[in-house]
C-alpha atoms as a PDB file:
ATOM      1  CA  MET A   1      75.172  51.119 183.327  1.00  0.00           C
ATOM      2  CA  HIS A   2      72.943  53.861 184.750  1.00  0.00           C
ATOM      3  CA  PRO A   3      69.213  53.276 184.042  1.00  0.00           C
ATOM      4  CA  ASN A   4      69.044  56.542 182.075  1.00  0.00           C
ATOM      5  CA  ALA A   5      71.987  55.416 179.921  1.00  0.00           C
ATOM      6  CA  GLU A   6      70.008  52.223 179.296  1.00  0.00           C
ATOM      7  CA  LEU A   7      67.006  54.378 178.329  1.00  0.00           C
ATOM      8  CA  ILE A   8      69.107  56.281 175.764  1.00  0.00           C
ATOM      9  CA  THR A   9      70.433  52.968 174.441  1.00  0.00           C
ATOM     10  CA  THR A  10      66.877  51.632 174.113  1.00  0.00           C
ATOM     11  CA  PHE A  11      65.874  54.806 172.256  1.00  0.00           C
ATOM     12  CA  TYR A  12      68.663  54.512 169.662  1.00  0.00           C
ATOM     13  CA  GLN A  13      68.355  50.739 169.277  1.00  0.00           C
ATOM     14  CA  ALA A  14      64.676  51.314 168.476  1.00  0.00           C
ATOM     15  CA  PHE A  15      65.660  54.059 166.041  1.00  0.00           C
ATOM     16  CA  GLN A  16      68.019  51.644 164.274  1.00  0.00           C
ATOM     17  CA  LYS A  17      64.989  49.381 163.744  1.00  0.00           C
ATOM     18  CA  LEU A  18      62.757  52.342 162.739  1.00  0.00           C
ATOM     19  CA  ASP A  19      60.583  51.504 165.755  1.00  0.00           C
ATOM     20  CA  ALA A  20      59.055  54.895 166.524  1.00  0.00           C
ATOM     21  CA  GLU A  21      56.589  53.479 169.056  1.00  0.00           C
ATOM     22  CA  THR A  22      59.406  52.320 171.335  1.00  0.00           C
ATOM     23  CA  MET A  23      61.196  55.637 170.794  1.00  0.00           C
ATOM     24  CA  ALA A  24      58.066  57.587 171.779  1.00  0.00           C
ATOM     25  CA  HIS A  25      57.601  55.323 174.810  1.00  0.00           C
ATOM     26  CA  CYS A  26      61.007  56.514 176.097  1.00  0.00           C
ATOM     27  CA  TYR A  27      59.611  60.061 176.281  1.00  0.00           C
ATOM     28  CA  ALA A  28      57.624  61.572 179.133  1.00  0.00           C
ATOM     29  CA  THR A  29      54.164  62.812 178.175  1.00  0.00           C
ATOM     30  CA  ASP A  30      55.396  66.402 178.533  1.00  0.00           C
ATOM     31  CA  ILE A  31      58.595  65.964 176.494  1.00  0.00           C
ATOM     32  CA  VAL A  32      60.152  68.985 174.798  1.00  0.00           C
ATOM     33  CA  PHE A  33      62.222  68.149 171.712  1.00  0.00           C
ATOM     34  CA  SER A  34      64.325  70.556 169.670  1.00  0.00           C
ATOM     35  CA  ASP A  35      66.708  70.418 166.730  1.00  0.00           C
ATOM     36  CA  PRO A  36      67.624  72.770 163.860  1.00  0.00           C
ATOM     37  CA  VAL A  37      64.755  71.504 161.656  1.00  0.00           C
ATOM     38  CA  PHE A  38      62.096  71.012 164.351  1.00  0.00           C
ATOM     39  CA  PRO A  39      62.965  73.826 166.782  1.00  0.00           C
ATOM     40  CA  LYS A  40      60.403  73.133 169.501  1.00  0.00           C
ATOM     41  CA  LEU A  41      58.048  70.185 169.678  1.00  0.00           C
ATOM     42  CA  HIS A  42      55.938  69.441 172.730  1.00  0.00           C
ATOM     43  CA  ALA A  43      54.409  66.244 174.055  1.00  0.00           C
ATOM     44  CA  GLN A  44      52.791  64.085 171.348  1.00  0.00           C
ATOM     45  CA  GLU A  45      54.339  66.193 168.547  1.00  0.00           C
ATOM     46  CA  ALA A  46      57.775  64.776 169.369  1.00  0.00           C
ATOM     47  CA  GLY A  47      56.679  61.160 169.153  1.00  0.00           C
ATOM     48  CA  ASP A  48      54.772  61.912 165.959  1.00  0.00           C
ATOM     49  CA  MET A  49      57.874  63.483 164.442  1.00  0.00           C
ATOM     50  CA  TRP A  50      59.729  60.182 164.943  1.00  0.00           C
ATOM     51  CA  ARG A  51      56.725  58.255 163.584  1.00  0.00           C
ATOM     52  CA  MET A  52      56.729  60.456 160.479  1.00  0.00           C
ATOM     53  CA  LEU A  53      60.494  60.275 159.946  1.00  0.00           C
ATOM     54  CA  THR A  54      60.726  56.513 160.435  1.00  0.00           C
ATOM     55  CA  SER A  55      57.746  55.902 158.133  1.00  0.00           C
ATOM     56  CA  LYS A  56      59.468  57.866 155.341  1.00  0.00           C
ATOM     57  CA  ALA A  57      63.010  56.569 155.929  1.00  0.00           C
ATOM     58  CA  GLN A  58      64.846  55.451 152.789  1.00  0.00           C
ATOM     59  CA  ASP A  59      68.188  53.635 152.771  1.00  0.00           C
ATOM     60  CA  PHE A  60      68.450  54.392 156.479  1.00  0.00           C
ATOM     61  CA  SER A  61      71.163  53.396 158.912  1.00  0.00           C
ATOM     62  CA  LEU A  62      72.156  54.742 162.305  1.00  0.00           C
ATOM     63  CA  THR A  63      75.131  54.396 164.600  1.00  0.00           C
ATOM     64  CA  PHE A  64      75.430  55.770 168.116  1.00  0.00           C
ATOM     65  CA  ASP A  65      78.060  56.027 170.820  1.00  0.00           C
ATOM     66  CA  GLY A  66      79.273  58.216 173.656  1.00  0.00           C
ATOM     67  CA  ILE A  67      76.266  57.574 175.866  1.00  0.00           C
ATOM     68  CA  GLU A  68      76.584  59.121 179.307  1.00  0.00           C
ATOM     69  CA  ALA A  69      73.815  59.668 181.830  1.00  0.00           C
ATOM     70  CA  ASP A  70      73.087  60.306 185.474  1.00  0.00           C
ATOM     71  CA  ASP A  71      69.847  60.870 187.387  1.00  0.00           C
ATOM     72  CA  LEU A  72      69.121  64.226 185.740  1.00  0.00           C
ATOM     73  CA  GLN A  73      70.819  64.490 182.355  1.00  0.00           C
ATOM     74  CA  GLY A  74      72.612  62.623 179.631  1.00  0.00           C
ATOM     75  CA  LYS A  75      74.185  62.830 176.219  1.00  0.00           C
ATOM     76  CA  ALA A  76      74.930  60.756 173.155  1.00  0.00           C
ATOM     77  CA  HIS A  77      76.466  61.046 169.722  1.00  0.00           C
ATOM     78  CA  TRP A  78      74.698  59.566 166.720  1.00  0.00           C
ATOM     79  CA  VAL A  79      75.063  59.507 162.957  1.00  0.00           C
ATOM     80  CA  ALA A  80      72.102  58.948 160.648  1.00  0.00           C
ATOM     81  CA  THR A  81      72.677  58.044 157.003  1.00  0.00           C
ATOM     82  CA  TYR A  82      69.698  58.186 154.667  1.00  0.00           C
ATOM     83  CA  THR A  83      68.296  59.345 151.355  1.00  0.00           C
ATOM     84  CA  PHE A  84      66.515  62.689 151.732  1.00  0.00           C
ATOM     85  CA  SER A  85      63.083  62.052 150.212  1.00  0.00           C
ATOM     86  CA  GLN A  86      62.544  65.544 148.800  1.00  0.00           C
ATOM     87  CA  SER A  87      65.741  65.600 146.737  1.00  0.00           C
ATOM     88  CA  GLY A  88      66.892  61.997 146.501  1.00  0.00           C
ATOM     89  CA  ASN A  89      70.269  63.105 147.893  1.00  0.00           C
ATOM     90  CA  ARG A  90      72.288  60.996 150.316  1.00  0.00           C
ATOM     91  CA  VAL A  91      72.739  62.572 153.754  1.00  0.00           C
ATOM     92  CA  VAL A  92      75.140  61.692 156.558  1.00  0.00           C
ATOM     93  CA  ASN A  93      74.026  63.712 159.560  1.00  0.00           C
ATOM     94  CA  ASP A  94      76.378  63.825 162.565  1.00  0.00           C
ATOM     95  CA  ILE A  95      74.416  64.763 165.687  1.00  0.00           C
ATOM     96  CA  GLN A  96      75.089  65.509 169.332  1.00  0.00           C
ATOM     97  CA  ALA A  97      72.148  64.801 171.631  1.00  0.00           C
ATOM     98  CA  ARG A  98      71.428  66.100 175.122  1.00  0.00           C
ATOM     99  CA  PHE A  99      68.767  64.663 177.382  1.00  0.00           C
ATOM    100  CA  VAL A 100      66.974  65.628 180.580  1.00  0.00           C
ATOM    101  CA  PHE A 101      65.277  62.905 182.629  1.00  0.00           C
ATOM    102  CA  LYS A 102      62.388  62.750 185.056  1.00  0.00           C
ATOM    103  CA  ASP A 103      60.821  59.669 186.628  1.00  0.00           C
ATOM    104  CA  GLY A 104      62.644  57.250 184.329  1.00  0.00           C
ATOM    105  CA  LYS A 105      61.619  58.997 181.105  1.00  0.00           C
ATOM    106  CA  ILE A 106      63.173  61.566 178.767  1.00  0.00           C
ATOM    107  CA  ILE A 107      61.556  64.946 179.442  1.00  0.00           C
ATOM    108  CA  GLY A 108      63.975  67.046 177.363  1.00  0.00           C
ATOM    109  CA  HIS A 109      65.790  66.082 174.153  1.00  0.00           C
ATOM    110  CA  THR A 110      67.909  68.511 172.148  1.00  0.00           C
ATOM    111  CA  ASP A 111      69.770  67.447 169.020  1.00  0.00           C
ATOM    112  CA  THR A 112      72.409  69.726 167.530  1.00  0.00           C
ATOM    113  CA  PHE A 113      74.054  69.462 164.141  1.00  0.00           C
ATOM    114  CA  ASP A 114      75.601  71.753 161.557  1.00  0.00           C
ATOM    115  CA  PHE A 115      72.608  72.937 159.550  1.00  0.00           C
ATOM    116  CA  TRP A 116      74.726  74.170 156.641  1.00  0.00           C
ATOM    117  CA  THR A 117      76.429  70.767 156.307  1.00  0.00           C
ATOM    118  CA  TRP A 118      73.032  69.064 156.408  1.00  0.00           C
ATOM    119  CA  ALA A 119      71.530  71.542 153.893  1.00  0.00           C
ATOM    120  CA  ARG A 120      74.454  71.074 151.468  1.00  0.00           C
ATOM    121  CA  GLN A 121      73.846  67.341 151.438  1.00  0.00           C
ATOM    122  CA  ALA A 122      70.043  67.322 151.541  1.00  0.00           C
ATOM    123  CA  LEU A 123      69.322  70.262 149.237  1.00  0.00           C
ATOM    124  CA  GLY A 124      72.348  70.238 146.931  1.00  0.00           C
ATOM    125  CA  LEU A 125      73.461  73.511 145.340  1.00  0.00           C
ATOM    126  CA  LYS A 126      70.707  75.554 146.987  1.00  0.00           C
ATOM    127  CA  GLY A 127      71.768  74.246 150.401  1.00  0.00           C
ATOM    128  CA  ALA A 128      75.447  74.834 149.648  1.00  0.00           C
ATOM    129  CA  LEU A 129      74.810  78.431 148.634  1.00  0.00           C
ATOM    130  CA  LEU A 130      72.152  79.341 151.208  1.00  0.00           C
ATOM    131  CA  GLY A 131      72.444  76.757 153.991  1.00  0.00           C
ATOM    132  CA  TRP A 132      74.049  79.312 156.278  1.00  0.00           C
ATOM    133  CA  SER A 133      71.144  81.758 155.883  1.00  0.00           C
ATOM    134  CA  LYS A 134      68.243  82.304 158.229  1.00  0.00           C
ATOM    135  CA  PRO A 135      65.681  82.488 155.362  1.00  0.00           C
ATOM    136  CA  LEU A 136      66.593  78.986 154.174  1.00  0.00           C
ATOM    137  CA  ARG A 137      66.548  77.627 157.717  1.00  0.00           C
ATOM    138  CA  ASN A 138      63.142  79.236 158.260  1.00  0.00           C
ATOM    139  CA  ALA A 139      61.861  77.752 154.985  1.00  0.00           C
ATOM    140  CA  VAL A 140      63.089  74.269 155.943  1.00  0.00           C
ATOM    141  CA  GLN A 141      61.519  74.594 159.389  1.00  0.00           C
ATOM    142  CA  ALA A 142      58.213  75.755 157.873  1.00  0.00           C
ATOM    143  CA  GLN A 143      58.199  72.843 155.402  1.00  0.00           C
ATOM    144  CA  ALA A 144      59.001  70.376 158.191  1.00  0.00           C
ATOM    145  CA  ALA A 145      56.226  71.803 160.387  1.00  0.00           C
ATOM    146  CA  LYS A 146      53.770  71.583 157.486  1.00  0.00           C
ATOM    147  CA  GLY A 147      54.744  67.956 156.859  1.00  0.00           C
ATOM    148  CA  LEU A 148      54.364  67.067 160.538  1.00  0.00           C
ATOM    149  CA  LYS A 149      50.981  68.786 160.713  1.00  0.00           C
ATOM    150  CA  ALA A 150      49.751  66.822 157.674  1.00  0.00           C
ATOM    151  CA  PHE A 151      51.116  63.572 159.100  1.00  0.00           C
ATOM    152  CA  ARG A 152      49.398  64.200 162.429  1.00  0.00           C
ATOM    153  CA  ALA A 153      46.101  65.027 160.702  1.00  0.00           C
ATOM    154  CA  LYS A 154      46.182  61.670 158.874  1.00  0.00           C
ATOM    155  CA  ARG A 155      46.752  59.808 162.161  1.00  0.00           C
ATOM    156  CA  GLN A 156      43.630  61.243 163.808  1.00  0.00           C
END
């Protein structure tokens, strides 16, 4: 197995254990992370996002497969199942991940998933009716950013 495939495996095995410190250790100090809820996190923000999410995880499980990697890039497929804390709704989020590597660390990590599918599950009727819309996506992103900012402020 390529060392970068092992790095991805380490990242997701840590995630299964809600071990955000090991996850953050897989990242380079200048990591750029992006997904539909957290569109662009830099450096320490990315690790703190995982710290926040794992600290709030309820009824969480994760599976992963399809890991491929070479010297420069990689990919994986993962599915997270959890209770969304703001609504109490059960979510099964099916995610494709892309990675960029440098010096044995992840320097770029982009997760993609169907936001409308996620919103339907996480937010219920509101998500089903408006999950396709930019205003709802923007509102979710703003709420997520606010939560991350508050989490980071508590850590300092």
